[in-house]
Amino acid sequence: MAQVQQDQLVNFQRRDDDTLWAVVASLGKKSRVAEVFRNRAAALSDMTWRTQQVQAYAEFLRRAGQPVPHYSLAPIRRADLPRKWTPLPALGFLRGEYI
């Protein structure tokens, strides 16, 4: 068994932890979980990609009268996801629905 000195920190991670990182899409006061990930780095990468997609099509969205979603990160518990939750496309309206 390895010895731990008093000045060292020991990191204990729970394997049954149900906390996930959510990429949240927002339009005004409405918000919806766009995607979920087990780690923050993956969620940050997805949020960056989604933001780039929105920026690339921002002018098209404005001319078409479509709302432009804003993305952010938030920790979320698996139990807080809606039962029939499905991932949201980057531009938010590709399935004929808005946030």
PDB file of N, CA and C in Angstrom:
ATOM      1  N   MET A   1       0.844  -1.175   0.000  1.00  0.00           N
ATOM      2  CA  MET A   1       0.000   0.000   0.000  1.00  0.00           C
ATOM      3  C   MET A   1       0.891   1.241   0.000  1.00  0.00           C
ATOM      4  N   ALA A   2       0.584   2.228  -0.819  1.00  0.00           N
ATOM      5  CA  ALA A   2       1.403   3.425  -0.935  1.00  0.00           C
ATOM      6  C   ALA A   2       1.188   4.339   0.269  1.00  0.00           C
ATOM      7  N   GLN A   3       2.253   4.931   0.707  1.00  0.00           N
ATOM      8  CA  GLN A   3       2.195   5.884   1.815  1.00  0.00           C
ATOM      9  C   GLN A   3       1.829   7.265   1.258  1.00  0.00           C
ATOM     10  N   VAL A   4       0.979   7.983   1.950  1.00  0.00           N
ATOM     11  CA  VAL A   4       0.595   9.336   1.569  1.00  0.00           C
ATOM     12  C   VAL A   4       1.098  10.274   2.650  1.00  0.00           C
ATOM     13  N   GLN A   5       1.880  11.249   2.234  1.00  0.00           N
ATOM     14  CA  GLN A   5       2.370  12.209   3.206  1.00  0.00           C
ATOM     15  C   GLN A   5       1.285  13.212   3.527  1.00  0.00           C
ATOM     16  N   GLN A   6       1.403  13.848   4.674  1.00  0.00           N
ATOM     17  CA  GLN A   6       0.357  14.747   5.143  1.00  0.00           C
ATOM     18  C   GLN A   6       0.180  15.974   4.252  1.00  0.00           C
ATOM     19  N   ASP A   7       1.218  16.395   3.552  1.00  0.00           N
ATOM     20  CA  ASP A   7       1.091  17.596   2.742  1.00  0.00           C
ATOM     21  C   ASP A   7       0.601  17.296   1.323  1.00  0.00           C
ATOM     22  N   GLN A   8       0.279  16.047   1.010  1.00  0.00           N
ATOM     23  CA  GLN A   8      -0.236  15.676  -0.298  1.00  0.00           C
ATOM     24  C   GLN A   8      -1.758  15.575  -0.256  1.00  0.00           C
ATOM     25  N   LEU A   9      -2.374  15.973  -1.354  1.00  0.00           N
ATOM     26  CA  LEU A   9      -3.822  15.834  -1.471  1.00  0.00           C
ATOM     27  C   LEU A   9      -4.145  14.500  -2.125  1.00  0.00           C
ATOM     28  N   VAL A  10      -5.176  13.884  -1.655  1.00  0.00           N
ATOM     29  CA  VAL A  10      -5.619  12.630  -2.235  1.00  0.00           C
ATOM     30  C   VAL A  10      -6.976  12.892  -2.877  1.00  0.00           C
ATOM     31  N   ASN A  11      -7.098  12.491  -4.140  1.00  0.00           N
ATOM     32  CA  ASN A  11      -8.333  12.718  -4.884  1.00  0.00           C
ATOM     33  C   ASN A  11      -9.163  11.435  -4.888  1.00  0.00           C
ATOM     34  N   PHE A  12     -10.316  11.494  -4.262  1.00  0.00           N
ATOM     35  CA  PHE A  12     -11.237  10.366  -4.261  1.00  0.00           C
ATOM     36  C   PHE A  12     -12.394  10.710  -5.177  1.00  0.00           C
ATOM     37  N   GLN A  13     -12.578   9.938  -6.227  1.00  0.00           N
ATOM     38  CA  GLN A  13     -13.701  10.152  -7.124  1.00  0.00           C
ATOM     39  C   GLN A  13     -14.702   9.029  -6.945  1.00  0.00           C
ATOM     40  N   ARG A  14     -15.940   9.406  -6.834  1.00  0.00           N
ATOM     41  CA  ARG A  14     -16.997   8.408  -6.731  1.00  0.00           C
ATOM     42  C   ARG A  14     -17.293   7.851  -8.116  1.00  0.00           C
ATOM     43  N   ARG A  15     -17.333   6.560  -8.251  1.00  0.00           N
ATOM     44  CA  ARG A  15     -17.626   5.925  -9.536  1.00  0.00           C
ATOM     45  C   ARG A  15     -19.115   5.992  -9.865  1.00  0.00           C
ATOM     46  N   ASP A  16     -19.951   6.132  -8.854  1.00  0.00           N
ATOM     47  CA  ASP A  16     -21.385   6.174  -9.096  1.00  0.00           C
ATOM     48  C   ASP A  16     -21.911   7.605  -9.194  1.00  0.00           C
ATOM     49  N   ASP A  17     -21.013   8.561  -9.373  1.00  0.00           N
ATOM     50  CA  ASP A  17     -21.389   9.958  -9.480  1.00  0.00           C
ATOM     51  C   ASP A  17     -22.239  10.153 -10.737  1.00  0.00           C
ATOM     52  N   ASP A  18     -23.415  10.740 -10.585  1.00  0.00           N
ATOM     53  CA  ASP A  18     -24.291  10.924 -11.740  1.00  0.00           C
ATOM     54  C   ASP A  18     -24.238  12.344 -12.294  1.00  0.00           C
ATOM     55  N   THR A  19     -23.215  13.098 -11.944  1.00  0.00           N
ATOM     56  CA  THR A  19     -23.080  14.457 -12.447  1.00  0.00           C
ATOM     57  C   THR A  19     -22.467  14.432 -13.842  1.00  0.00           C
ATOM     58  N   LEU A  20     -23.116  15.133 -14.757  1.00  0.00           N
ATOM     59  CA  LEU A  20     -22.662  15.253 -16.134  1.00  0.00           C
ATOM     60  C   LEU A  20     -22.456  16.726 -16.450  1.00  0.00           C
ATOM     61  N   TRP A  21     -21.825  17.005 -17.574  1.00  0.00           N
ATOM     62  CA  TRP A  21     -21.687  18.383 -18.047  1.00  0.00           C
ATOM     63  C   TRP A  21     -22.639  18.564 -19.213  1.00  0.00           C
ATOM     64  N   ALA A  22     -23.479  19.578 -19.127  1.00  0.00           N
ATOM     65  CA  ALA A  22     -24.468  19.843 -20.167  1.00  0.00           C
ATOM     66  C   ALA A  22     -24.067  21.064 -20.977  1.00  0.00           C
ATOM     67  N   VAL A  23     -24.251  20.949 -22.287  1.00  0.00           N
ATOM     68  CA  VAL A  23     -24.160  22.104 -23.170  1.00  0.00           C
ATOM     69  C   VAL A  23     -25.602  22.601 -23.283  1.00  0.00           C
ATOM     70  N   VAL A  24     -25.842  23.828 -22.843  1.00  0.00           N
ATOM     71  CA  VAL A  24     -27.192  24.368 -22.768  1.00  0.00           C
ATOM     72  C   VAL A  24     -27.393  25.412 -23.860  1.00  0.00           C
ATOM     73  N   ALA A  25     -28.453  25.242 -24.655  1.00  0.00           N
ATOM     74  CA  ALA A  25     -28.818  26.197 -25.700  1.00  0.00           C
ATOM     75  C   ALA A  25     -29.877  27.128 -25.126  1.00  0.00           C
ATOM     76  N   SER A  26     -29.689  28.436 -25.345  1.00  0.00           N
ATOM     77  CA  SER A  26     -30.636  29.423 -24.821  1.00  0.00           C
ATOM     78  C   SER A  26     -31.102  30.361 -25.919  1.00  0.00           C
ATOM     79  N   LEU A  27     -32.390  30.667 -25.867  1.00  0.00           N
ATOM     80  CA  LEU A  27     -33.005  31.686 -26.722  1.00  0.00           C
ATOM     81  C   LEU A  27     -33.851  32.545 -25.808  1.00  0.00           C
ATOM     82  N   GLY A  28     -33.383  33.748 -25.523  1.00  0.00           N
ATOM     83  CA  GLY A  28     -34.118  34.601 -24.596  1.00  0.00           C
ATOM     84  C   GLY A  28     -34.203  33.951 -23.231  1.00  0.00           C
ATOM     85  N   LYS A  29     -35.427  33.756 -22.741  1.00  0.00           N
ATOM     86  CA  LYS A  29     -35.625  33.141 -21.427  1.00  0.00           C
ATOM     87  C   LYS A  29     -35.736  31.625 -21.483  1.00  0.00           C
ATOM     88  N   LYS A  30     -35.829  31.061 -22.684  1.00  0.00           N
ATOM     89  CA  LYS A  30     -35.953  29.608 -22.820  1.00  0.00           C
ATOM     90  C   LYS A  30     -34.581  28.959 -22.926  1.00  0.00           C
ATOM     91  N   SER A  31     -34.425  27.832 -22.266  1.00  0.00           N
ATOM     92  CA  SER A  31     -33.179  27.073 -22.318  1.00  0.00           C
ATOM     93  C   SER A  31     -33.501  25.594 -22.488  1.00  0.00           C
ATOM     94  N   ARG A  32     -32.578  24.892 -23.138  1.00  0.00           N
ATOM     95  CA  ARG A  32     -32.737  23.455 -23.329  1.00  0.00           C
ATOM     96  C   ARG A  32     -31.365  22.798 -23.359  1.00  0.00           C
ATOM     97  N   VAL A  33     -31.264  21.623 -22.782  1.00  0.00           N
ATOM     98  CA  VAL A  33     -30.010  20.881 -22.811  1.00  0.00           C
ATOM     99  C   VAL A  33     -29.805  20.377 -24.235  1.00  0.00           C
ATOM    100  N   ALA A  34     -28.717  20.827 -24.864  1.00  0.00           N
ATOM    101  CA  ALA A  34     -28.430  20.431 -26.237  1.00  0.00           C
ATOM    102  C   ALA A  34     -27.700  19.096 -26.292  1.00  0.00           C
ATOM    103  N   GLU A  35     -26.784  18.871 -25.351  1.00  0.00           N
ATOM    104  CA  GLU A  35     -25.989  17.639 -25.319  1.00  0.00           C
ATOM    105  C   GLU A  35     -25.409  17.470 -23.928  1.00  0.00           C
ATOM    106  N   VAL A  36     -25.089  16.254 -23.554  1.00  0.00           N
ATOM    107  CA  VAL A  36     -24.477  15.975 -22.251  1.00  0.00           C
ATOM    108  C   VAL A  36     -23.210  15.150 -22.423  1.00  0.00           C
ATOM    109  N   PHE A  37     -22.255  15.372 -21.515  1.00  0.00           N
ATOM    110  CA  PHE A  37     -20.969  14.687 -21.558  1.00  0.00           C
ATOM    111  C   PHE A  37     -20.547  14.325 -20.146  1.00  0.00           C
ATOM    112  N   ARG A  38     -19.709  13.318 -20.036  1.00  0.00           N
ATOM    113  CA  ARG A  38     -19.188  12.882 -18.735  1.00  0.00           C
ATOM    114  C   ARG A  38     -18.111  13.816 -18.202  1.00  0.00           C
ATOM    115  N   ASN A  39     -17.377  14.499 -19.098  1.00  0.00           N
ATOM    116  CA  ASN A  39     -16.319  15.386 -18.609  1.00  0.00           C
ATOM    117  C   ASN A  39     -16.457  16.778 -19.212  1.00  0.00           C
ATOM    118  N   ARG A  40     -15.907  17.744 -18.504  1.00  0.00           N
ATOM    119  CA  ARG A  40     -16.027  19.151 -18.885  1.00  0.00           C
ATOM    120  C   ARG A  40     -15.304  19.446 -20.190  1.00  0.00           C
ATOM    121  N   ALA A  41     -14.148  18.807 -20.418  1.00  0.00           N
ATOM    122  CA  ALA A  41     -13.374  19.075 -21.635  1.00  0.00           C
ATOM    123  C   ALA A  41     -14.169  18.716 -22.892  1.00  0.00           C
ATOM    124  N   ALA A  42     -14.848  17.578 -22.875  1.00  0.00           N
ATOM    125  CA  ALA A  42     -15.663  17.171 -24.026  1.00  0.00           C
ATOM    126  C   ALA A  42     -16.835  18.134 -24.224  1.00  0.00           C
ATOM    127  N   ALA A  43     -17.449  18.559 -23.129  1.00  0.00           N
ATOM    128  CA  ALA A  43     -18.563  19.500 -23.216  1.00  0.00           C
ATOM    129  C   ALA A  43     -18.090  20.845 -23.754  1.00  0.00           C
ATOM    130  N   LEU A  44     -16.928  21.297 -23.304  1.00  0.00           N
ATOM    131  CA  LEU A  44     -16.380  22.564 -23.784  1.00  0.00           C
ATOM    132  C   LEU A  44     -16.070  22.493 -25.276  1.00  0.00           C
ATOM    133  N   SER A  45     -15.542  21.378 -25.722  1.00  0.00           N
ATOM    134  CA  SER A  45     -15.261  21.180 -27.142  1.00  0.00           C
ATOM    135  C   SER A  45     -16.546  21.229 -27.968  1.00  0.00           C
ATOM    136  N   ASP A  46     -17.595  20.565 -27.500  1.00  0.00           N
ATOM    137  CA  ASP A  46     -18.874  20.575 -28.206  1.00  0.00           C
ATOM    138  C   ASP A  46     -19.484  21.970 -28.211  1.00  0.00           C
ATOM    139  N   MET A  47     -19.401  22.672 -27.095  1.00  0.00           N
ATOM    140  CA  MET A  47     -19.942  24.026 -27.028  1.00  0.00           C
ATOM    141  C   MET A  47     -19.217  24.935 -28.021  1.00  0.00           C
ATOM    142  N   THR A  48     -17.894  24.794 -28.116  1.00  0.00           N
ATOM    143  CA  THR A  48     -17.113  25.599 -29.058  1.00  0.00           C
ATOM    144  C   THR A  48     -17.538  25.303 -30.490  1.00  0.00           C
ATOM    145  N   TRP A  49     -17.705  24.014 -30.813  1.00  0.00           N
ATOM    146  CA  TRP A  49     -18.138  23.637 -32.153  1.00  0.00           C
ATOM    147  C   TRP A  49     -19.515  24.205 -32.462  1.00  0.00           C
ATOM    148  N   ARG A  50     -20.455  24.102 -31.535  1.00  0.00           N
ATOM    149  CA  ARG A  50     -21.807  24.625 -31.742  1.00  0.00           C
ATOM    150  C   ARG A  50     -21.794  26.140 -31.937  1.00  0.00           C
ATOM    151  N   THR A  51     -20.975  26.829 -31.142  1.00  0.00           N
ATOM    152  CA  THR A  51     -20.870  28.281 -31.272  1.00  0.00           C
ATOM    153  C   THR A  51     -20.314  28.660 -32.643  1.00  0.00           C
ATOM    154  N   GLN A  52     -19.328  27.924 -33.127  1.00  0.00           N
ATOM    155  CA  GLN A  52     -18.766  28.182 -34.458  1.00  0.00           C
ATOM    156  C   GLN A  52     -19.806  27.957 -35.553  1.00  0.00           C
ATOM    157  N   GLN A  53     -20.618  26.917 -35.412  1.00  0.00           N
ATOM    158  CA  GLN A  53     -21.665  26.657 -36.398  1.00  0.00           C
ATOM    159  C   GLN A  53     -22.670  27.798 -36.438  1.00  0.00           C
ATOM    160  N   VAL A  54     -23.060  28.277 -35.271  1.00  0.00           N
ATOM    161  CA  VAL A  54     -24.017  29.376 -35.200  1.00  0.00           C
ATOM    162  C   VAL A  54     -23.410  30.640 -35.807  1.00  0.00           C
ATOM    163  N   GLN A  55     -22.137  30.927 -35.509  1.00  0.00           N
ATOM    164  CA  GLN A  55     -21.484  32.104 -36.078  1.00  0.00           C
ATOM    165  C   GLN A  55     -21.400  32.019 -37.597  1.00  0.00           C
ATOM    166  N   ALA A  56     -21.114  30.824 -38.114  1.00  0.00           N
ATOM    167  CA  ALA A  56     -21.003  30.641 -39.561  1.00  0.00           C
ATOM    168  C   ALA A  56     -22.333  30.900 -40.267  1.00  0.00           C
ATOM    169  N   TYR A  57     -23.438  30.596 -39.613  1.00  0.00           N
ATOM    170  CA  TYR A  57     -24.760  30.760 -40.228  1.00  0.00           C
ATOM    171  C   TYR A  57     -25.554  31.921 -39.633  1.00  0.00           C
ATOM    172  N   ALA A  58     -24.925  32.772 -38.850  1.00  0.00           N
ATOM    173  CA  ALA A  58     -25.642  33.841 -38.143  1.00  0.00           C
ATOM    174  C   ALA A  58     -26.393  34.770 -39.092  1.00  0.00           C
ATOM    175  N   GLU A  59     -25.751  35.193 -40.151  1.00  0.00           N
ATOM    176  CA  GLU A  59     -26.404  36.113 -41.097  1.00  0.00           C
ATOM    177  C   GLU A  59     -27.582  35.428 -41.786  1.00  0.00           C
ATOM    178  N   PHE A  60     -27.400  34.183 -42.186  1.00  0.00           N
ATOM    179  CA  PHE A  60     -28.493  33.414 -42.794  1.00  0.00           C
ATOM    180  C   PHE A  60     -29.667  33.300 -41.830  1.00  0.00           C
ATOM    181  N   LEU A  61     -29.383  32.996 -40.576  1.00  0.00           N
ATOM    182  CA  LEU A  61     -30.445  32.862 -39.576  1.00  0.00           C
ATOM    183  C   LEU A  61     -31.204  34.170 -39.401  1.00  0.00           C
ATOM    184  N   ARG A  62     -30.471  35.277 -39.330  1.00  0.00           N
ATOM    185  CA  ARG A  62     -31.126  36.582 -39.156  1.00  0.00           C
ATOM    186  C   ARG A  62     -32.018  36.919 -40.348  1.00  0.00           C
ATOM    187  N   ARG A  63     -31.507  36.697 -41.574  1.00  0.00           N
ATOM    188  CA  ARG A  63     -32.301  36.998 -42.777  1.00  0.00           C
ATOM    189  C   ARG A  63     -33.542  36.119 -42.859  1.00  0.00           C
ATOM    190  N   ALA A  64     -33.433  34.886 -42.383  1.00  0.00           N
ATOM    191  CA  ALA A  64     -34.564  33.953 -42.409  1.00  0.00           C
ATOM    192  C   ALA A  64     -35.517  34.173 -41.230  1.00  0.00           C
ATOM    193  N   GLY A  65     -35.171  35.107 -40.346  1.00  0.00           N
ATOM    194  CA  GLY A  65     -36.029  35.378 -39.195  1.00  0.00           C
ATOM    195  C   GLY A  65     -35.946  34.308 -38.120  1.00  0.00           C
ATOM    196  N   GLN A  66     -34.892  33.507 -38.160  1.00  0.00           N
ATOM    197  CA  GLN A  66     -34.707  32.450 -37.172  1.00  0.00           C
ATOM    198  C   GLN A  66     -33.943  32.992 -35.966  1.00  0.00           C
ATOM    199  N   PRO A  67     -34.281  32.551 -34.787  1.00  0.00           N
ATOM    200  CA  PRO A  67     -33.527  32.981 -33.605  1.00  0.00           C
ATOM    201  C   PRO A  67     -32.124  32.369 -33.603  1.00  0.00           C
ATOM    202  N   VAL A  68     -31.173  33.102 -33.044  1.00  0.00           N
ATOM    203  CA  VAL A  68     -29.786  32.637 -32.965  1.00  0.00           C
ATOM    204  C   VAL A  68     -29.530  32.146 -31.541  1.00  0.00           C
ATOM    205  N   PRO A  69     -29.299  30.840 -31.363  1.00  0.00           N
ATOM    206  CA  PRO A  69     -29.093  30.316 -30.008  1.00  0.00           C
ATOM    207  C   PRO A  69     -27.739  30.697 -29.428  1.00  0.00           C
ATOM    208  N   HIS A  70     -27.683  30.764 -28.110  1.00  0.00           N
ATOM    209  CA  HIS A  70     -26.446  31.013 -27.366  1.00  0.00           C
ATOM    210  C   HIS A  70     -26.175  29.742 -26.561  1.00  0.00           C
ATOM    211  N   TYR A  71     -24.900  29.333 -26.505  1.00  0.00           N
ATOM    212  CA  TYR A  71     -24.545  28.104 -25.802  1.00  0.00           C
ATOM    213  C   TYR A  71     -23.709  28.389 -24.563  1.00  0.00           C
ATOM    214  N   SER A  72     -23.944  27.591 -23.522  1.00  0.00           N
ATOM    215  CA  SER A  72     -23.184  27.688 -22.276  1.00  0.00           C
ATOM    216  C   SER A  72     -23.029  26.291 -21.678  1.00  0.00           C
ATOM    217  N   LEU A  73     -22.199  26.187 -20.642  1.00  0.00           N
ATOM    218  CA  LEU A  73     -21.985  24.918 -19.943  1.00  0.00           C
ATOM    219  C   LEU A  73     -22.598  24.969 -18.559  1.00  0.00           C
ATOM    220  N   ALA A  74     -23.066  23.828 -18.103  1.00  0.00           N
ATOM    221  CA  ALA A  74     -23.603  23.736 -16.741  1.00  0.00           C
ATOM    222  C   ALA A  74     -23.514  22.286 -16.268  1.00  0.00           C
ATOM    223  N   PRO A  75     -23.181  22.073 -15.002  1.00  0.00           N
ATOM    224  CA  PRO A  75     -23.236  20.708 -14.484  1.00  0.00           C
ATOM    225  C   PRO A  75     -24.701  20.303 -14.332  1.00  0.00           C
ATOM    226  N   ILE A  76     -24.977  19.041 -14.568  1.00  0.00           N
ATOM    227  CA  ILE A  76     -26.354  18.558 -14.474  1.00  0.00           C
ATOM    228  C   ILE A  76     -26.317  17.118 -13.957  1.00  0.00           C
ATOM    229  N   ARG A  77     -27.319  16.767 -13.198  1.00  0.00           N
ATOM    230  CA  ARG A  77     -27.434  15.376 -12.745  1.00  0.00           C
ATOM    231  C   ARG A  77     -28.257  14.600 -13.764  1.00  0.00           C
ATOM    232  N   ARG A  78     -27.925  13.342 -13.911  1.00  0.00           N
ATOM    233  CA  ARG A  78     -28.661  12.495 -14.860  1.00  0.00           C
ATOM    234  C   ARG A  78     -30.167  12.503 -14.540  1.00  0.00           C
ATOM    235  N   ALA A  79     -30.500  12.539 -13.264  1.00  0.00           N
ATOM    236  CA  ALA A  79     -31.906  12.529 -12.845  1.00  0.00           C
ATOM    237  C   ALA A  79     -32.650  13.802 -13.266  1.00  0.00           C
ATOM    238  N   ASP A  80     -31.919  14.889 -13.553  1.00  0.00           N
ATOM    239  CA  ASP A  80     -32.561  16.149 -13.937  1.00  0.00           C
ATOM    240  C   ASP A  80     -32.858  16.250 -15.432  1.00  0.00           C
ATOM    241  N   LEU A  81     -32.374  15.294 -16.215  1.00  0.00           N
ATOM    242  CA  LEU A  81     -32.693  15.294 -17.644  1.00  0.00           C
ATOM    243  C   LEU A  81     -34.134  14.849 -17.846  1.00  0.00           C
ATOM    244  N   PRO A  82     -34.853  15.488 -18.764  1.00  0.00           N
ATOM    245  CA  PRO A  82     -36.219  15.025 -19.061  1.00  0.00           C
ATOM    246  C   PRO A  82     -36.199  13.575 -19.565  1.00  0.00           C
ATOM    247  N   ARG A  83     -37.261  12.828 -19.306  1.00  0.00           N
ATOM    248  CA  ARG A  83     -37.315  11.415 -19.681  1.00  0.00           C
ATOM    249  C   ARG A  83     -37.050  11.164 -21.159  1.00  0.00           C
ATOM    250  N   LYS A  84     -37.660  11.925 -22.014  1.00  0.00           N
ATOM    251  CA  LYS A  84     -37.535  11.704 -23.458  1.00  0.00           C
ATOM    252  C   LYS A  84     -36.571  12.701 -24.094  1.00  0.00           C
ATOM    253  N   TRP A  85     -35.547  13.088 -23.365  1.00  0.00           N
ATOM    254  CA  TRP A  85     -34.575  14.045 -23.871  1.00  0.00           C
ATOM    255  C   TRP A  85     -33.813  13.468 -25.058  1.00  0.00           C
ATOM    256  N   THR A  86     -33.596  14.293 -26.070  1.00  0.00           N
ATOM    257  CA  THR A  86     -32.758  13.930 -27.212  1.00  0.00           C
ATOM    258  C   THR A  86     -31.820  15.092 -27.494  1.00  0.00           C
ATOM    259  N   PRO A  87     -30.638  14.818 -28.047  1.00  0.00           N
ATOM    260  CA  PRO A  87     -29.701  15.902 -28.367  1.00  0.00           C
ATOM    261  C   PRO A  87     -30.304  16.878 -29.366  1.00  0.00           C
ATOM    262  N   LEU A  88     -29.863  18.116 -29.293  1.00  0.00           N
ATOM    263  CA  LEU A  88     -30.361  19.194 -30.134  1.00  0.00           C
ATOM    264  C   LEU A  88     -29.340  19.508 -31.224  1.00  0.00           C
ATOM    265  N   PRO A  89     -29.766  19.687 -32.481  1.00  0.00           N
ATOM    266  CA  PRO A  89     -28.819  20.096 -33.527  1.00  0.00           C
ATOM    267  C   PRO A  89     -28.187  21.440 -33.192  1.00  0.00           C
ATOM    268  N   ALA A  90     -27.017  21.712 -33.733  1.00  0.00           N
ATOM    269  CA  ALA A  90     -26.275  22.935 -33.419  1.00  0.00           C
ATOM    270  C   ALA A  90     -27.074  24.197 -33.698  1.00  0.00           C
ATOM    271  N   LEU A  91     -27.789  24.232 -34.797  1.00  0.00           N
ATOM    272  CA  LEU A  91     -28.531  25.441 -35.135  1.00  0.00           C
ATOM    273  C   LEU A  91     -29.907  25.482 -34.496  1.00  0.00           C
ATOM    274  N   GLY A  92     -30.322  24.420 -33.872  1.00  0.00           N
ATOM    275  CA  GLY A  92     -31.505  24.440 -33.040  1.00  0.00           C
ATOM    276  C   GLY A  92     -32.847  24.285 -33.740  1.00  0.00           C
ATOM    277  N   PHE A  93     -32.907  24.458 -35.045  1.00  0.00           N
ATOM    278  CA  PHE A  93     -34.206  24.409 -35.709  1.00  0.00           C
ATOM    279  C   PHE A  93     -34.277  23.342 -36.799  1.00  0.00           C
ATOM    280  N   LEU A  94     -33.263  22.517 -36.905  1.00  0.00           N
ATOM    281  CA  LEU A  94     -33.194  21.574 -38.019  1.00  0.00           C
ATOM    282  C   LEU A  94     -34.272  20.503 -37.979  1.00  0.00           C
ATOM    283  N   ARG A  95     -34.853  20.273 -36.829  1.00  0.00           N
ATOM    284  CA  ARG A  95     -35.954  19.293 -36.730  1.00  0.00           C
ATOM    285  C   ARG A  95     -37.309  19.975 -36.771  1.00  0.00           C
ATOM    286  N   GLY A  96     -37.334  21.214 -37.174  1.00  0.00           N
ATOM    287  CA  GLY A  96     -38.594  21.943 -37.246  1.00  0.00           C
ATOM    288  C   GLY A  96     -39.080  22.426 -35.895  1.00  0.00           C
ATOM    289  N   GLU A  97     -38.205  22.451 -34.917  1.00  0.00           N
ATOM    290  CA  GLU A  97     -38.590  22.907 -33.577  1.00  0.00           C
ATOM    291  C   GLU A  97     -37.529  23.859 -33.042  1.00  0.00           C
ATOM    292  N   TYR A  98     -37.964  24.713 -32.184  1.00  0.00           N
ATOM    293  CA  TYR A  98     -37.041  25.637 -31.534  1.00  0.00           C
ATOM    294  C   TYR A  98     -36.806  25.161 -30.112  1.00  0.00           C
ATOM    295  N   ILE A  99     -35.911  25.810 -29.451  1.00  0.00           N
ATOM    296  CA  ILE A  99     -35.605  25.454 -28.059  1.00  0.00           C
ATOM    297  C   ILE A  99     -36.824  25.555 -27.250  1.00  0.00           C
TER     298      ILE A  99
END
